[in-house]
């Protein structure tokens, strides 16, 4: 009896591990695709010239400031196109961040981190993002933990 239970238990555990691996491999494949195609819409004519022509304005503006908002306003149609084409932006969804899935959120967080490093000051202000997108406390804690984890990974 015990040997039969042991054998059945082993089959169950192995089947479970295989299923988890299959789901995780699907996530990995999606993340690889997202990393390769991230912000490809910026090469689209609907965005390219507007972003390129206004690069000096963005270079002078710190994220979240009046100058930054003014730079965005100058290219409003390109920004609208960008948000519509890229689901890692809460603006892509009618219900904002609540419409996103975990992979969207992960890409969004990576986007925030990269943008912070490329902008004057180079600091990611998560509190500013929390307020801007109305992120609830539980998701905000998960985002904070994820940023901390990714920063530790980056240090290695």
N, C-alpha and C. Protein backbone atom coordinates (compact mmCIF):
# COMPACT_ATOMS: atom_id res chain seq x y z
N UNK A 1 0.83 -1.20 0.00
CA UNK A 1 0.00 0.00 0.00
C UNK A 1 0.87 1.25 0.00
N UNK A 2 1.86 1.32 0.89
CA UNK A 2 2.72 2.49 1.00
C UNK A 2 3.50 2.70 -0.30
N UNK A 3 3.97 1.67 -0.93
CA UNK A 3 4.72 1.80 -2.18
C UNK A 3 3.82 2.35 -3.28
N UNK A 4 2.57 1.91 -3.33
CA UNK A 4 1.62 2.41 -4.33
C UNK A 4 1.35 3.89 -4.12
N UNK A 5 1.16 4.29 -2.85
CA UNK A 5 0.94 5.72 -2.55
C UNK A 5 2.17 6.55 -2.90
N UNK A 6 3.34 6.00 -2.60
CA UNK A 6 4.59 6.70 -2.91
C UNK A 6 4.69 6.92 -4.42
N UNK A 7 4.40 5.90 -5.20
CA UNK A 7 4.46 6.00 -6.66
C UNK A 7 3.46 7.02 -7.19
N UNK A 8 2.23 6.98 -6.67
CA UNK A 8 1.21 7.94 -7.10
C UNK A 8 1.60 9.37 -6.72
N UNK A 9 2.14 9.53 -5.51
CA UNK A 9 2.60 10.84 -5.04
C UNK A 9 3.69 11.38 -5.96
N UNK A 10 4.64 10.54 -6.30
CA UNK A 10 5.74 10.97 -7.19
C UNK A 10 5.19 11.40 -8.56
N UNK A 11 4.27 10.63 -9.12
CA UNK A 11 3.67 11.00 -10.42
C UNK A 11 2.95 12.34 -10.32
N UNK A 12 2.23 12.56 -9.22
CA UNK A 12 1.51 13.82 -9.02
C UNK A 12 2.48 15.00 -8.93
N UNK A 13 3.54 14.84 -8.17
CA UNK A 13 4.52 15.92 -8.01
C UNK A 13 5.20 16.22 -9.34
N UNK A 14 5.59 15.19 -10.06
CA UNK A 14 6.27 15.39 -11.35
C UNK A 14 5.32 16.04 -12.36
N UNK A 15 4.06 15.61 -12.39
CA UNK A 15 3.08 16.22 -13.29
C UNK A 15 2.88 17.70 -12.94
N UNK A 16 2.80 17.99 -11.65
CA UNK A 16 2.64 19.38 -11.20
C UNK A 16 3.84 20.21 -11.62
N UNK A 17 5.03 19.71 -11.39
CA UNK A 17 6.25 20.45 -11.77
C UNK A 17 6.28 20.72 -13.27
N UNK A 18 5.89 19.75 -14.07
CA UNK A 18 5.87 19.94 -15.52
C UNK A 18 4.87 21.01 -15.93
N UNK A 19 3.70 21.01 -15.31
CA UNK A 19 2.70 22.02 -15.63
C UNK A 19 3.17 23.42 -15.23
N UNK A 20 3.74 23.53 -14.05
CA UNK A 20 4.27 24.83 -13.61
C UNK A 20 5.36 25.29 -14.58
N UNK A 21 6.24 24.38 -14.98
CA UNK A 21 7.31 24.73 -15.92
C UNK A 21 6.72 25.18 -17.25
N UNK A 22 5.67 24.52 -17.71
CA UNK A 22 5.05 24.91 -18.98
C UNK A 22 4.47 26.32 -18.88
N UNK A 23 3.78 26.63 -17.78
CA UNK A 23 3.24 27.99 -17.61
C UNK A 23 4.38 29.00 -17.51
N UNK A 24 5.41 28.68 -16.74
CA UNK A 24 6.52 29.62 -16.59
C UNK A 24 7.27 29.82 -17.91
N UNK A 25 7.41 28.77 -18.71
CA UNK A 25 8.06 28.91 -20.00
C UNK A 25 7.24 29.80 -20.93
N UNK A 26 5.92 29.75 -20.80
CA UNK A 26 5.07 30.67 -21.56
C UNK A 26 5.31 32.11 -21.14
N UNK A 27 5.46 32.33 -19.83
CA UNK A 27 5.75 33.67 -19.31
C UNK A 27 7.13 34.12 -19.81
N UNK A 28 8.11 33.24 -19.74
CA UNK A 28 9.46 33.56 -20.20
C UNK A 28 9.45 33.94 -21.67
N UNK A 29 8.74 33.16 -22.49
CA UNK A 29 8.66 33.45 -23.93
C UNK A 29 8.03 34.83 -24.15
N UNK A 30 6.98 35.13 -23.41
CA UNK A 30 6.32 36.43 -23.56
C UNK A 30 7.26 37.56 -23.13
N UNK A 31 7.98 37.37 -22.03
CA UNK A 31 8.90 38.41 -21.57
C UNK A 31 10.03 38.63 -22.57
N UNK A 32 10.53 37.55 -23.18
CA UNK A 32 11.57 37.69 -24.20
C UNK A 32 11.03 38.48 -25.38
N UNK A 33 9.79 38.15 -25.82
CA UNK A 33 9.17 38.88 -26.93
C UNK A 33 8.99 40.34 -26.56
N UNK A 34 8.51 40.61 -25.34
CA UNK A 34 8.31 42.00 -24.91
C UNK A 34 9.64 42.76 -24.86
N UNK A 35 10.70 42.11 -24.39
CA UNK A 35 11.99 42.80 -24.31
C UNK A 35 12.52 43.14 -25.70
N UNK A 36 12.23 42.29 -26.68
CA UNK A 36 12.71 42.53 -28.05
C UNK A 36 11.87 43.58 -28.77
N UNK A 37 10.60 43.71 -28.42
CA UNK A 37 9.70 44.60 -29.15
C UNK A 37 9.31 45.85 -28.35
N UNK A 38 9.88 46.01 -27.15
CA UNK A 38 9.53 47.13 -26.28
C UNK A 38 9.67 48.46 -27.02
N UNK A 39 8.62 49.25 -26.98
CA UNK A 39 8.58 50.60 -27.57
C UNK A 39 8.88 50.63 -29.07
N UNK A 40 8.65 49.54 -29.78
CA UNK A 40 8.85 49.56 -31.23
C UNK A 40 8.00 50.62 -31.91
N UNK A 41 6.89 51.01 -31.30
CA UNK A 41 6.03 52.03 -31.91
C UNK A 41 6.75 53.37 -32.03
N UNK A 42 7.83 53.57 -31.29
CA UNK A 42 8.57 54.83 -31.40
C UNK A 42 9.28 54.97 -32.73
N UNK A 43 9.36 53.86 -33.50
CA UNK A 43 9.92 53.91 -34.85
C UNK A 43 8.84 54.18 -35.89
N UNK A 44 7.58 54.15 -35.48
CA UNK A 44 6.44 54.40 -36.36
C UNK A 44 6.40 55.88 -36.72
N UNK A 45 6.04 56.21 -37.95
CA UNK A 45 5.94 57.63 -38.32
C UNK A 45 5.01 58.45 -37.42
N UNK A 46 4.03 57.79 -36.81
CA UNK A 46 3.10 58.51 -35.92
C UNK A 46 3.79 59.00 -34.66
N UNK A 47 4.97 58.47 -34.37
CA UNK A 47 5.69 58.87 -33.15
C UNK A 47 7.09 59.40 -33.43
N UNK A 48 7.77 58.84 -34.42
CA UNK A 48 9.20 59.07 -34.59
C UNK A 48 9.58 60.54 -34.64
N UNK A 49 9.02 61.28 -35.59
CA UNK A 49 9.42 62.69 -35.76
C UNK A 49 9.11 63.52 -34.52
N UNK A 50 7.95 63.27 -33.93
CA UNK A 50 7.56 64.05 -32.75
C UNK A 50 8.54 63.84 -31.61
N UNK A 51 8.88 62.58 -31.34
CA UNK A 51 9.84 62.30 -30.27
C UNK A 51 11.22 62.87 -30.62
N UNK A 52 11.68 62.63 -31.84
CA UNK A 52 13.02 63.08 -32.24
C UNK A 52 13.12 64.61 -32.20
N UNK A 53 12.11 65.29 -32.74
CA UNK A 53 12.14 66.75 -32.77
C UNK A 53 12.10 67.37 -31.37
N UNK A 54 11.48 66.68 -30.44
CA UNK A 54 11.32 67.23 -29.09
C UNK A 54 12.30 66.66 -28.08
N UNK A 55 13.27 65.89 -28.55
CA UNK A 55 14.26 65.32 -27.65
C UNK A 55 14.97 66.38 -26.81
N UNK A 56 15.35 67.55 -27.39
CA UNK A 56 15.98 68.57 -26.54
C UNK A 56 15.10 69.02 -25.38
N UNK A 57 13.79 69.09 -25.60
CA UNK A 57 12.88 69.48 -24.53
C UNK A 57 12.84 68.42 -23.43
N UNK A 58 12.86 67.16 -23.82
CA UNK A 58 12.87 66.08 -22.83
C UNK A 58 14.21 66.01 -22.10
N UNK A 59 15.29 66.31 -22.82
CA UNK A 59 16.62 66.29 -22.20
C UNK A 59 16.72 67.30 -21.05
N UNK A 60 16.02 68.42 -21.18
CA UNK A 60 16.09 69.48 -20.17
C UNK A 60 15.08 69.29 -19.03
N UNK A 61 14.15 68.36 -19.22
CA UNK A 61 13.03 68.25 -18.28
C UNK A 61 13.18 67.03 -17.38
N UNK A 62 12.98 67.24 -16.11
CA UNK A 62 12.95 66.15 -15.15
C UNK A 62 11.54 65.58 -15.11
N UNK A 63 11.45 64.27 -15.07
CA UNK A 63 10.16 63.59 -15.08
C UNK A 63 9.24 64.16 -14.00
N UNK A 64 7.99 64.41 -14.39
CA UNK A 64 6.99 64.87 -13.43
C UNK A 64 6.91 66.36 -13.24
N UNK A 65 7.87 67.10 -13.79
CA UNK A 65 7.87 68.56 -13.62
C UNK A 65 6.96 69.22 -14.65
N UNK A 66 6.73 70.51 -14.47
CA UNK A 66 5.95 71.28 -15.44
C UNK A 66 6.61 71.24 -16.81
N UNK A 67 7.95 71.32 -16.84
CA UNK A 67 8.67 71.28 -18.11
C UNK A 67 8.44 69.95 -18.82
N UNK A 68 8.42 68.87 -18.04
CA UNK A 68 8.19 67.55 -18.61
C UNK A 68 6.77 67.46 -19.18
N UNK A 69 5.80 67.94 -18.42
CA UNK A 69 4.41 67.91 -18.88
C UNK A 69 4.25 68.78 -20.15
N UNK A 70 4.96 69.88 -20.21
CA UNK A 70 4.91 70.74 -21.39
C UNK A 70 5.51 70.03 -22.61
N UNK A 71 6.60 69.30 -22.39
CA UNK A 71 7.22 68.53 -23.48
C UNK A 71 6.25 67.47 -23.98
N UNK A 72 5.54 66.82 -23.07
CA UNK A 72 4.53 65.83 -23.46
C UNK A 72 3.40 66.48 -24.25
N UNK A 73 2.97 67.63 -23.79
CA UNK A 73 1.85 68.33 -24.45
C UNK A 73 2.19 68.69 -25.89
N UNK A 74 3.48 68.99 -26.15
CA UNK A 74 3.90 69.36 -27.51
C UNK A 74 3.73 68.20 -28.49
N UNK A 75 3.75 66.98 -27.98
CA UNK A 75 3.66 65.81 -28.87
C UNK A 75 2.46 64.93 -28.49
N UNK A 76 1.39 65.58 -28.10
CA UNK A 76 0.21 64.86 -27.60
C UNK A 76 -0.28 63.75 -28.54
N UNK A 77 -0.40 63.98 -29.86
CA UNK A 77 -0.86 62.89 -30.74
C UNK A 77 0.10 61.69 -30.74
N UNK A 78 1.40 61.95 -30.69
CA UNK A 78 2.39 60.86 -30.66
C UNK A 78 2.30 60.10 -29.35
N UNK A 79 2.10 60.81 -28.26
CA UNK A 79 1.96 60.16 -26.95
C UNK A 79 0.70 59.29 -26.93
N UNK A 80 -0.39 59.82 -27.46
CA UNK A 80 -1.64 59.05 -27.50
C UNK A 80 -1.45 57.77 -28.32
N UNK A 81 -0.76 57.89 -29.45
CA UNK A 81 -0.47 56.71 -30.28
C UNK A 81 0.37 55.71 -29.50
N UNK A 82 1.38 56.23 -28.80
CA UNK A 82 2.28 55.37 -28.05
C UNK A 82 1.52 54.59 -26.97
N UNK A 83 0.70 55.27 -26.23
CA UNK A 83 -0.08 54.60 -25.18
C UNK A 83 -1.01 53.55 -25.78
N UNK A 84 -1.64 53.87 -26.90
CA UNK A 84 -2.55 52.92 -27.53
C UNK A 84 -1.81 51.68 -28.03
N UNK A 85 -0.58 51.86 -28.47
CA UNK A 85 0.18 50.75 -29.07
C UNK A 85 0.95 49.91 -28.04
N UNK A 86 1.02 50.36 -26.80
CA UNK A 86 1.89 49.70 -25.82
C UNK A 86 1.15 49.43 -24.51
N UNK A 87 0.87 48.15 -24.26
CA UNK A 87 0.08 47.77 -23.10
C UNK A 87 0.85 47.83 -21.78
N UNK A 88 2.13 48.18 -21.82
CA UNK A 88 2.86 48.36 -20.56
C UNK A 88 2.62 49.76 -19.98
N UNK A 89 1.78 50.54 -20.62
CA UNK A 89 1.38 51.85 -20.10
C UNK A 89 -0.04 51.76 -19.56
N UNK A 90 -0.28 52.18 -18.33
CA UNK A 90 -1.65 52.15 -17.80
C UNK A 90 -2.64 52.89 -18.68
N UNK A 91 -2.18 53.92 -19.38
CA UNK A 91 -3.06 54.70 -20.24
C UNK A 91 -3.62 53.87 -21.41
N UNK A 92 -3.03 52.72 -21.66
CA UNK A 92 -3.50 51.82 -22.72
C UNK A 92 -4.90 51.28 -22.41
N UNK A 93 -5.21 51.20 -21.12
CA UNK A 93 -6.44 50.56 -20.66
C UNK A 93 -7.45 51.60 -20.18
N UNK A 94 -8.73 51.34 -20.45
CA UNK A 94 -9.77 52.26 -20.02
C UNK A 94 -9.82 52.37 -18.49
N UNK A 95 -9.44 51.31 -17.80
CA UNK A 95 -9.44 51.35 -16.33
C UNK A 95 -8.02 51.44 -15.77
N UNK A 96 -7.10 51.94 -16.58
CA UNK A 96 -5.74 52.19 -16.13
C UNK A 96 -5.02 50.94 -15.67
N UNK A 97 -4.27 51.09 -14.62
CA UNK A 97 -3.43 50.01 -14.12
C UNK A 97 -4.26 48.78 -13.73
N UNK A 98 -5.51 48.99 -13.40
CA UNK A 98 -6.38 47.86 -13.03
C UNK A 98 -6.69 46.95 -14.21
N UNK A 99 -6.46 47.42 -15.42
CA UNK A 99 -6.68 46.59 -16.60
C UNK A 99 -5.47 45.75 -16.99
N UNK A 100 -4.35 45.99 -16.32
CA UNK A 100 -3.10 45.32 -16.68
C UNK A 100 -3.01 43.93 -16.06
N UNK A 101 -2.19 43.08 -16.71
CA UNK A 101 -1.84 41.80 -16.09
C UNK A 101 -0.44 41.92 -15.49
N UNK A 102 0.00 40.87 -14.82
CA UNK A 102 1.30 40.94 -14.13
C UNK A 102 2.46 41.18 -15.10
N UNK A 103 2.37 40.63 -16.30
CA UNK A 103 3.46 40.84 -17.26
C UNK A 103 3.49 42.28 -17.73
N UNK A 104 2.30 42.88 -17.92
CA UNK A 104 2.24 44.31 -18.25
C UNK A 104 2.89 45.13 -17.14
N UNK A 105 2.55 44.80 -15.90
CA UNK A 105 3.08 45.54 -14.74
C UNK A 105 4.59 45.38 -14.67
N UNK A 106 5.07 44.17 -14.90
CA UNK A 106 6.52 43.94 -14.85
C UNK A 106 7.24 44.75 -15.92
N UNK A 107 6.71 44.75 -17.14
CA UNK A 107 7.33 45.54 -18.19
C UNK A 107 7.26 47.03 -17.85
N UNK A 108 6.15 47.46 -17.27
CA UNK A 108 5.99 48.86 -16.87
C UNK A 108 7.07 49.24 -15.85
N UNK A 109 7.27 48.39 -14.85
CA UNK A 109 8.27 48.67 -13.81
C UNK A 109 9.67 48.74 -14.43
N UNK A 110 9.99 47.80 -15.33
CA UNK A 110 11.29 47.84 -16.00
C UNK A 110 11.44 49.11 -16.83
N UNK A 111 10.35 49.52 -17.47
CA UNK A 111 10.34 50.75 -18.26
C UNK A 111 10.60 51.96 -17.36
N UNK A 112 9.93 52.00 -16.20
CA UNK A 112 10.15 53.09 -15.26
C UNK A 112 11.61 53.14 -14.82
N UNK A 113 12.17 51.99 -14.50
CA UNK A 113 13.55 51.94 -14.03
C UNK A 113 14.52 52.44 -15.10
N UNK A 114 14.31 51.98 -16.34
CA UNK A 114 15.18 52.39 -17.44
C UNK A 114 15.03 53.88 -17.72
N UNK A 115 13.79 54.36 -17.72
CA UNK A 115 13.55 55.78 -17.98
C UNK A 115 14.20 56.66 -16.91
N UNK A 116 14.12 56.21 -15.67
CA UNK A 116 14.72 56.98 -14.58
C UNK A 116 16.23 57.10 -14.76
N UNK A 117 16.86 56.04 -15.23
CA UNK A 117 18.31 56.07 -15.43
C UNK A 117 18.71 56.96 -16.61
N UNK A 118 17.80 57.16 -17.55
CA UNK A 118 18.11 57.96 -18.75
C UNK A 118 17.74 59.43 -18.58
N UNK A 119 16.98 59.75 -17.54
CA UNK A 119 16.52 61.13 -17.35
C UNK A 119 17.40 61.88 -16.37
N UNK A 120 17.36 63.22 -16.45
CA UNK A 120 18.12 64.02 -15.49
C UNK A 120 17.73 63.64 -14.06
N UNK A 121 18.71 63.50 -13.22
CA UNK A 121 18.45 63.10 -11.83
C UNK A 121 18.57 61.60 -11.63
N UNK A 122 18.14 60.83 -12.63
CA UNK A 122 18.32 59.39 -12.61
C UNK A 122 17.72 58.64 -11.44
N UNK A 123 16.64 59.13 -10.86
CA UNK A 123 16.05 58.47 -9.70
C UNK A 123 14.60 58.10 -9.99
N UNK A 124 14.24 56.88 -9.69
CA UNK A 124 12.86 56.44 -9.84
C UNK A 124 12.09 56.85 -8.59
N UNK A 125 11.07 57.66 -8.79
CA UNK A 125 10.24 58.11 -7.70
C UNK A 125 8.94 57.29 -7.72
N UNK A 126 8.95 56.18 -6.99
CA UNK A 126 7.78 55.30 -6.98
C UNK A 126 6.56 55.97 -6.38
N UNK A 127 6.76 56.82 -5.41
CA UNK A 127 5.63 57.50 -4.78
C UNK A 127 4.90 58.37 -5.81
N UNK A 128 5.67 59.02 -6.66
CA UNK A 128 5.08 59.85 -7.71
C UNK A 128 4.25 58.98 -8.66
N UNK A 129 4.76 57.78 -8.98
CA UNK A 129 4.03 56.87 -9.86
C UNK A 129 2.76 56.35 -9.16
N UNK A 130 2.86 56.07 -7.87
CA UNK A 130 1.71 55.60 -7.11
C UNK A 130 0.58 56.61 -7.18
N UNK A 131 0.93 57.87 -6.98
CA UNK A 131 -0.08 58.93 -7.02
C UNK A 131 -0.62 59.13 -8.43
N UNK A 132 0.25 59.13 -9.41
CA UNK A 132 -0.15 59.38 -10.79
C UNK A 132 -1.15 58.33 -11.28
N UNK A 133 -0.90 57.06 -10.93
CA UNK A 133 -1.72 55.97 -11.46
C UNK A 133 -2.71 55.39 -10.45
N UNK A 134 -2.76 55.96 -9.24
CA UNK A 134 -3.70 55.48 -8.24
C UNK A 134 -3.47 54.02 -7.88
N UNK A 135 -2.23 53.67 -7.67
CA UNK A 135 -1.88 52.27 -7.39
C UNK A 135 -2.27 51.94 -5.96
N UNK A 136 -3.02 50.85 -5.79
CA UNK A 136 -3.47 50.47 -4.45
C UNK A 136 -2.30 49.95 -3.61
N UNK A 137 -2.45 49.95 -2.29
CA UNK A 137 -1.32 49.63 -1.40
C UNK A 137 -0.70 48.25 -1.65
N UNK A 138 -1.52 47.24 -1.90
CA UNK A 138 -0.96 45.90 -2.09
C UNK A 138 -0.10 45.84 -3.35
N UNK A 139 -0.62 46.33 -4.48
CA UNK A 139 0.16 46.33 -5.71
C UNK A 139 1.39 47.22 -5.56
N UNK A 140 1.24 48.34 -4.89
CA UNK A 140 2.38 49.23 -4.70
C UNK A 140 3.49 48.52 -3.93
N UNK A 141 3.14 47.77 -2.90
CA UNK A 141 4.15 47.01 -2.14
C UNK A 141 4.84 45.99 -3.04
N UNK A 142 4.08 45.32 -3.89
CA UNK A 142 4.67 44.34 -4.81
C UNK A 142 5.62 45.04 -5.77
N UNK A 143 5.23 46.20 -6.29
CA UNK A 143 6.10 46.96 -7.19
C UNK A 143 7.38 47.38 -6.46
N UNK A 144 7.24 47.87 -5.23
CA UNK A 144 8.43 48.27 -4.45
C UNK A 144 9.38 47.08 -4.29
N UNK A 145 8.85 45.93 -3.91
CA UNK A 145 9.68 44.74 -3.72
C UNK A 145 10.34 44.32 -5.03
N UNK A 146 9.62 44.47 -6.13
CA UNK A 146 10.17 44.11 -7.43
C UNK A 146 11.31 45.04 -7.82
N UNK A 147 11.12 46.34 -7.61
CA UNK A 147 12.18 47.31 -7.91
C UNK A 147 13.41 47.00 -7.06
N UNK A 148 13.22 46.75 -5.78
CA UNK A 148 14.35 46.42 -4.91
C UNK A 148 15.06 45.16 -5.39
N UNK A 149 14.30 44.16 -5.78
CA UNK A 149 14.89 42.92 -6.28
C UNK A 149 15.70 43.18 -7.56
N UNK A 150 15.11 43.93 -8.50
CA UNK A 150 15.80 44.21 -9.76
C UNK A 150 17.04 45.06 -9.54
N UNK A 151 16.99 46.00 -8.59
CA UNK A 151 18.18 46.80 -8.29
C UNK A 151 19.30 45.94 -7.71
N UNK A 152 18.94 44.98 -6.86
CA UNK A 152 19.95 44.06 -6.32
C UNK A 152 20.55 43.21 -7.45
N UNK A 153 19.70 42.77 -8.37
CA UNK A 153 20.19 41.98 -9.50
C UNK A 153 21.14 42.80 -10.37
N UNK A 154 20.84 44.07 -10.53
CA UNK A 154 21.64 44.96 -11.35
C UNK A 154 23.03 45.18 -10.73
N UNK A 155 23.11 45.14 -9.41
CA UNK A 155 24.36 45.36 -8.71
C UNK A 155 25.33 44.19 -8.88
N UNK A 156 24.80 43.04 -9.23
CA UNK A 156 25.66 41.85 -9.35
C UNK A 156 26.52 41.89 -10.56
